[in-house]
Amino acid sequence: MSRWSWWALGFGAYLAFTIATFPAGLALEWFAPRGVTFAGVGGTLWSGTAASATAGGFTADTLRWRVRPAALLFGRISADVEARIPDGFVSGNVTASPRSIRFSEVRGATSLPALAALLPVRGMRGQASVALETLVLEDGWPATAVGELKLAGLEAPPLIPNGSGALLPLGDYTLTLLLAPEGELSATFVDNGGPLEVQGTLSLDATRSYTIDALVEPRAGAPESLVEGLKYMTTEPDAEGRRRLNLTGSL
């Protein structure tokens, strides 16, 4: 074996030893994304734990990770991560670099109220599950997202307040995130049963402007308050009884 081969072997062994023994607390000080705080950190860079991790008012508990060391050679840190979140769980791979955070092979489930700190779902109820192939965040904003989101048992306040305080059942839905130009999000969504037959698209561009376009048709037995509320948000029904819903705005 040549001198250079021995040198490379020795350097590789040294790097592996360093990763395996480097304290997790110090590693997070160096590599943790801005705005993310950790508590109760233990273990090493290679395999560690944290009692909690908080970002943007959302907290995950019982965090565990195992690093993929090859990414360190390219100035990134990549780890397989799992954690408990309010009312559920999340797991997947996270790769962080100075410019972005990439999530892949993400699986998770929780309730909508538990996501109120992250998404505009206050006042709504239901269960959410996610299977993401890829999610890339740049400056805290989604640049790429491909995967699937499912909502079950969705309930929301009536479009026209009726004074009862009761939520309206809206059914189950699947939203499929599609590959789109960088900085833009594109998705289709359909109902999986419930009082409304729904089929539509959603787009979000780099300026954070969104467009929702859908065809909606109340099914037999749909609550009257739901049907009346749709009349104020949609066009007149077409020949097949479907109403067009078109919403635009910015986040």
Protein backbone atom coordinates (compact mmCIF):
# COMPACT_ATOMS: atom_id res chain seq x y z
CA MET A 1 0.00 0.00 0.00
CA SER A 2 1.36 3.43 -0.98
CA ARG A 3 2.13 6.22 1.45
CA TRP A 4 -0.87 8.20 0.20
CA SER A 5 -3.18 5.23 0.72
CA TRP A 6 -2.00 4.90 4.31
CA TRP A 7 -2.47 8.64 4.79
CA ALA A 8 -6.03 8.53 3.42
CA LEU A 9 -6.85 5.52 5.58
CA GLY A 10 -5.49 7.23 8.67
CA PHE A 11 -7.35 10.46 7.95
CA GLY A 12 -10.59 8.53 7.40
CA ALA A 13 -10.15 6.73 10.71
CA TYR A 14 -9.43 10.02 12.48
CA LEU A 15 -12.51 11.65 10.93
CA ALA A 16 -14.73 8.71 11.91
CA PHE A 17 -13.40 8.82 15.49
CA THR A 18 -13.96 12.58 15.71
CA ILE A 19 -17.55 12.31 14.49
CA ALA A 20 -18.28 9.40 16.80
CA THR A 21 -17.08 11.26 19.90
CA PHE A 22 -17.81 14.94 19.15
CA PRO A 23 -20.27 16.28 21.79
CA ALA A 24 -23.79 16.83 20.43
CA GLY A 25 -24.25 20.09 22.34
CA LEU A 26 -21.22 21.70 20.73
CA ALA A 27 -22.18 20.34 17.30
CA LEU A 28 -25.62 21.94 17.51
CA GLU A 29 -24.05 25.28 18.41
CA TRP A 30 -22.15 25.09 15.13
CA PHE A 31 -24.67 23.47 12.78
CA ALA A 32 -28.18 24.23 14.10
CA PRO A 33 -30.24 26.44 11.73
CA ARG A 34 -30.97 29.97 12.84
CA GLY A 35 -34.12 30.25 14.92
CA VAL A 36 -33.97 26.67 16.20
CA THR A 37 -33.23 26.10 19.89
CA PHE A 38 -32.51 22.82 21.67
CA ALA A 39 -32.77 21.73 25.31
CA GLY A 40 -31.59 18.65 27.16
CA VAL A 41 -29.00 17.69 24.54
CA GLY A 42 -27.06 14.46 24.99
CA GLY A 43 -24.93 12.01 23.04
CA THR A 44 -22.58 12.80 20.19
CA LEU A 45 -22.65 14.35 16.75
CA TRP A 46 -22.89 10.84 15.31
CA SER A 47 -25.82 9.71 17.44
CA GLY A 48 -27.57 12.09 19.81
CA THR A 49 -30.75 13.10 21.56
CA ALA A 50 -32.50 16.25 22.72
CA ALA A 51 -35.35 16.60 25.18
CA SER A 52 -36.89 19.28 22.94
CA ALA A 53 -36.34 21.42 19.84
CA THR A 54 -38.27 24.64 19.22
CA ALA A 55 -38.68 26.72 16.05
CA GLY A 56 -41.26 29.40 15.33
CA GLY A 57 -43.27 28.58 18.44
CA PHE A 58 -43.54 24.88 17.54
CA THR A 59 -41.87 22.31 19.80
CA ALA A 60 -40.82 18.72 19.13
CA ASP A 61 -39.93 16.40 22.01
CA THR A 62 -37.84 13.25 22.50
CA LEU A 63 -35.68 14.08 19.49
CA ARG A 64 -33.23 11.43 18.24
CA TRP A 65 -30.81 11.56 15.32
CA ARG A 66 -28.09 9.58 13.64
CA VAL A 67 -25.72 11.43 11.31
CA ARG A 68 -24.79 10.36 7.79
CA PRO A 69 -21.08 11.28 7.99
CA ALA A 70 -20.37 11.46 4.24
CA ALA A 71 -22.29 14.76 3.97
CA LEU A 72 -19.76 16.46 6.26
CA LEU A 73 -17.16 16.18 3.51
CA PHE A 74 -19.30 18.56 1.42
CA GLY A 75 -19.89 21.13 4.16
CA ARG A 76 -23.34 19.82 5.07
CA ILE A 77 -24.76 17.88 7.97
CA SER A 78 -27.28 15.15 7.21
CA ALA A 79 -29.08 13.04 9.78
CA ASP A 80 -31.95 10.60 10.11
CA VAL A 81 -34.26 12.15 12.70
CA GLU A 82 -37.34 11.09 14.65
CA ALA A 83 -39.33 12.99 17.27
CA ARG A 84 -42.63 13.25 19.04
CA ILE A 85 -44.72 16.32 18.26
CA PRO A 86 -47.97 17.48 19.89
CA ASP A 87 -50.62 14.82 19.18
CA GLY A 88 -48.32 12.82 16.92
CA PHE A 89 -44.89 12.00 15.50
CA VAL A 90 -42.50 12.89 12.69
CA SER A 91 -39.49 11.14 11.14
CA GLY A 92 -37.25 11.59 8.12
CA ASN A 93 -33.88 12.77 6.87
CA VAL A 94 -32.70 16.36 7.38
CA THR A 95 -29.77 17.87 5.49
CA ALA A 96 -28.64 21.35 6.54
CA SER A 97 -26.25 23.65 4.69
CA PRO A 98 -25.47 27.35 5.11
CA ARG A 99 -28.14 28.26 2.51
CA SER A 100 -30.93 25.73 2.92
CA ILE A 101 -32.51 22.86 4.83
CA ARG A 102 -33.65 19.78 2.89
CA PHE A 103 -36.13 17.26 4.30
CA SER A 104 -36.58 13.90 2.58
CA GLU A 105 -38.47 10.67 3.26
CA VAL A 106 -40.59 12.53 5.81
CA ARG A 107 -43.47 10.74 7.51
CA GLY A 108 -45.64 12.31 10.18
CA ALA A 109 -49.09 12.65 11.70
CA THR A 110 -50.76 15.04 14.13
CA SER A 111 -53.94 17.02 14.74
CA LEU A 112 -54.76 20.36 13.10
CA PRO A 113 -54.96 22.25 16.44
CA ALA A 114 -51.37 21.14 17.14
CA LEU A 115 -50.27 22.94 13.95
CA ALA A 116 -51.83 26.30 14.82
CA ALA A 117 -48.40 27.82 15.49
CA LEU A 118 -47.26 26.94 11.96
CA LEU A 119 -50.36 27.10 9.75
CA PRO A 120 -53.56 29.20 9.55
CA VAL A 121 -55.80 26.47 10.99
CA ARG A 122 -57.08 28.11 14.17
CA GLY A 123 -60.66 27.13 14.91
CA MET A 124 -60.42 23.97 12.78
CA ARG A 125 -60.33 20.32 13.81
CA GLY A 126 -59.18 17.16 12.12
CA GLN A 127 -56.20 14.86 11.65
CA ALA A 128 -53.30 15.46 9.27
CA SER A 129 -50.76 12.98 7.93
CA VAL A 130 -47.88 13.70 5.60
CA ALA A 131 -45.58 11.70 3.33
CA LEU A 132 -43.01 14.02 1.75
CA GLU A 133 -40.48 12.93 -0.83
CA THR A 134 -38.71 16.29 -0.68
CA LEU A 135 -39.10 19.64 1.09
CA VAL A 136 -36.44 22.34 0.69
CA LEU A 137 -36.50 25.49 2.84
CA GLU A 138 -34.50 28.57 1.86
CA ASP A 139 -34.55 31.49 4.30
CA GLY A 140 -37.36 29.68 6.11
CA TRP A 141 -39.59 29.52 3.02
CA PRO A 142 -40.45 26.41 0.93
CA ALA A 143 -38.48 26.46 -2.32
CA THR A 144 -39.41 22.91 -3.37
CA ALA A 145 -42.01 20.46 -2.07
CA VAL A 146 -43.03 17.07 -3.45
CA GLY A 147 -45.26 14.64 -1.57
CA GLU A 148 -48.71 14.09 -0.16
CA LEU A 149 -50.80 15.54 2.66
CA LYS A 150 -54.00 13.91 3.89
CA LEU A 151 -56.69 15.50 6.04
CA ALA A 152 -59.25 13.34 7.83
CA GLY A 153 -62.36 14.36 9.75
CA LEU A 154 -61.92 18.00 8.78
CA GLU A 155 -64.22 20.43 10.61
CA ALA A 156 -64.32 24.22 10.31
CA PRO A 157 -66.39 27.18 11.52
CA PRO A 158 -69.38 27.92 9.24
CA LEU A 159 -68.82 30.44 6.46
CA ILE A 160 -71.91 32.27 7.68
CA PRO A 161 -71.91 32.48 11.51
CA ASN A 162 -75.06 30.87 12.92
CA GLY A 163 -74.53 31.65 16.60
CA SER A 164 -74.35 27.99 17.63
CA GLY A 165 -70.56 27.79 17.75
CA ALA A 166 -70.73 24.33 16.17
CA LEU A 167 -68.17 23.35 13.55
CA LEU A 168 -69.22 22.09 10.13
CA PRO A 169 -68.00 18.64 9.01
CA LEU A 170 -66.13 18.96 5.70
CA GLY A 171 -64.90 15.38 5.17
CA ASP A 172 -61.54 13.96 4.10
CA TYR A 173 -59.07 15.30 1.53
CA THR A 174 -55.78 14.49 -0.21
CA LEU A 175 -53.39 17.23 -1.37
CA THR A 176 -50.60 16.14 -3.71
CA LEU A 177 -47.55 18.43 -3.97
CA LEU A 178 -46.07 18.34 -7.48
CA LEU A 179 -42.65 19.16 -8.87
CA ALA A 180 -42.61 22.87 -9.81
CA PRO A 181 -40.04 25.55 -10.76
CA GLU A 182 -37.73 26.42 -7.86
CA GLY A 183 -39.32 28.88 -5.47
CA GLU A 184 -42.85 27.88 -6.46
CA LEU A 185 -45.27 25.31 -5.04
CA SER A 186 -47.90 23.48 -7.06
CA ALA A 187 -50.50 21.02 -5.82
CA THR A 188 -53.74 19.27 -6.69
CA PHE A 189 -56.40 18.32 -4.16
CA VAL A 190 -59.48 16.09 -4.13
CA ASP A 191 -62.00 14.98 -1.54
CA ASN A 192 -62.02 11.42 -0.19
CA GLY A 193 -65.64 11.53 0.91
CA GLY A 194 -67.81 13.91 2.89
CA PRO A 195 -70.49 16.53 2.26
CA LEU A 196 -68.59 18.13 -0.66
CA GLU A 197 -67.28 16.77 -3.93
CA VAL A 198 -64.09 18.77 -4.56
CA GLN A 199 -61.38 18.83 -7.21
CA GLY A 200 -58.89 21.66 -7.54
CA THR A 201 -55.39 23.09 -7.77
CA LEU A 202 -53.24 25.29 -5.55
CA SER A 203 -50.19 27.35 -6.51
CA LEU A 204 -47.83 29.52 -4.47
CA ASP A 205 -45.15 31.62 -6.14
CA ALA A 206 -41.87 33.09 -4.94
CA THR A 207 -43.59 36.36 -3.94
CA ARG A 208 -45.78 34.32 -1.54
CA SER A 209 -48.89 34.96 -3.63
CA TYR A 210 -51.29 32.03 -3.82
CA THR A 211 -54.11 30.93 -6.11
CA ILE A 212 -56.71 28.29 -5.28
CA ASP A 213 -58.98 27.13 -8.09
CA ALA A 214 -61.52 24.38 -7.50
CA LEU A 215 -64.83 22.89 -8.60
CA VAL A 216 -67.13 22.20 -5.65
CA GLU A 217 -70.46 20.39 -5.57
CA PRO A 218 -72.46 19.72 -2.40
CA ARG A 219 -73.49 16.11 -2.01
CA ALA A 220 -76.96 15.03 -0.98
CA GLY A 221 -77.41 15.64 2.74
CA ALA A 222 -74.80 18.41 2.97
CA PRO A 223 -75.60 20.82 5.85
CA GLU A 224 -77.72 23.72 4.65
CA SER A 225 -75.42 26.24 6.32
CA LEU A 226 -72.51 24.82 4.33
CA VAL A 227 -74.44 25.03 1.06
CA GLU A 228 -75.52 28.61 1.76
CA GLY A 229 -71.99 29.64 2.65
CA LEU A 230 -70.66 28.25 -0.63
CA LYS A 231 -73.05 30.46 -2.58
CA TYR A 232 -71.22 33.54 -1.31
CA MET A 233 -67.78 32.22 -2.27
CA THR A 234 -68.43 30.52 -5.61
CA THR A 235 -69.89 31.16 -9.04
CA GLU A 236 -73.30 29.97 -10.16
CA PRO A 237 -73.45 26.20 -10.71
CA ASP A 238 -72.64 24.82 -14.16
CA ALA A 239 -74.74 22.29 -16.05
CA GLU A 240 -73.42 19.51 -13.80
CA GLY A 241 -74.15 21.39 -10.57
CA ARG A 242 -70.52 22.26 -9.85
CA ARG A 243 -69.54 25.67 -8.50
CA ARG A 244 -66.17 27.29 -9.19
CA LEU A 245 -64.19 28.54 -6.21
CA ASN A 246 -61.32 30.90 -6.99
CA LEU A 247 -59.27 32.49 -4.22
CA THR A 248 -56.14 34.63 -4.51
CA GLY A 249 -54.05 36.38 -1.89
CA SER A 250 -50.64 36.49 -0.26
CA LEU A 251 -49.03 35.04 2.84
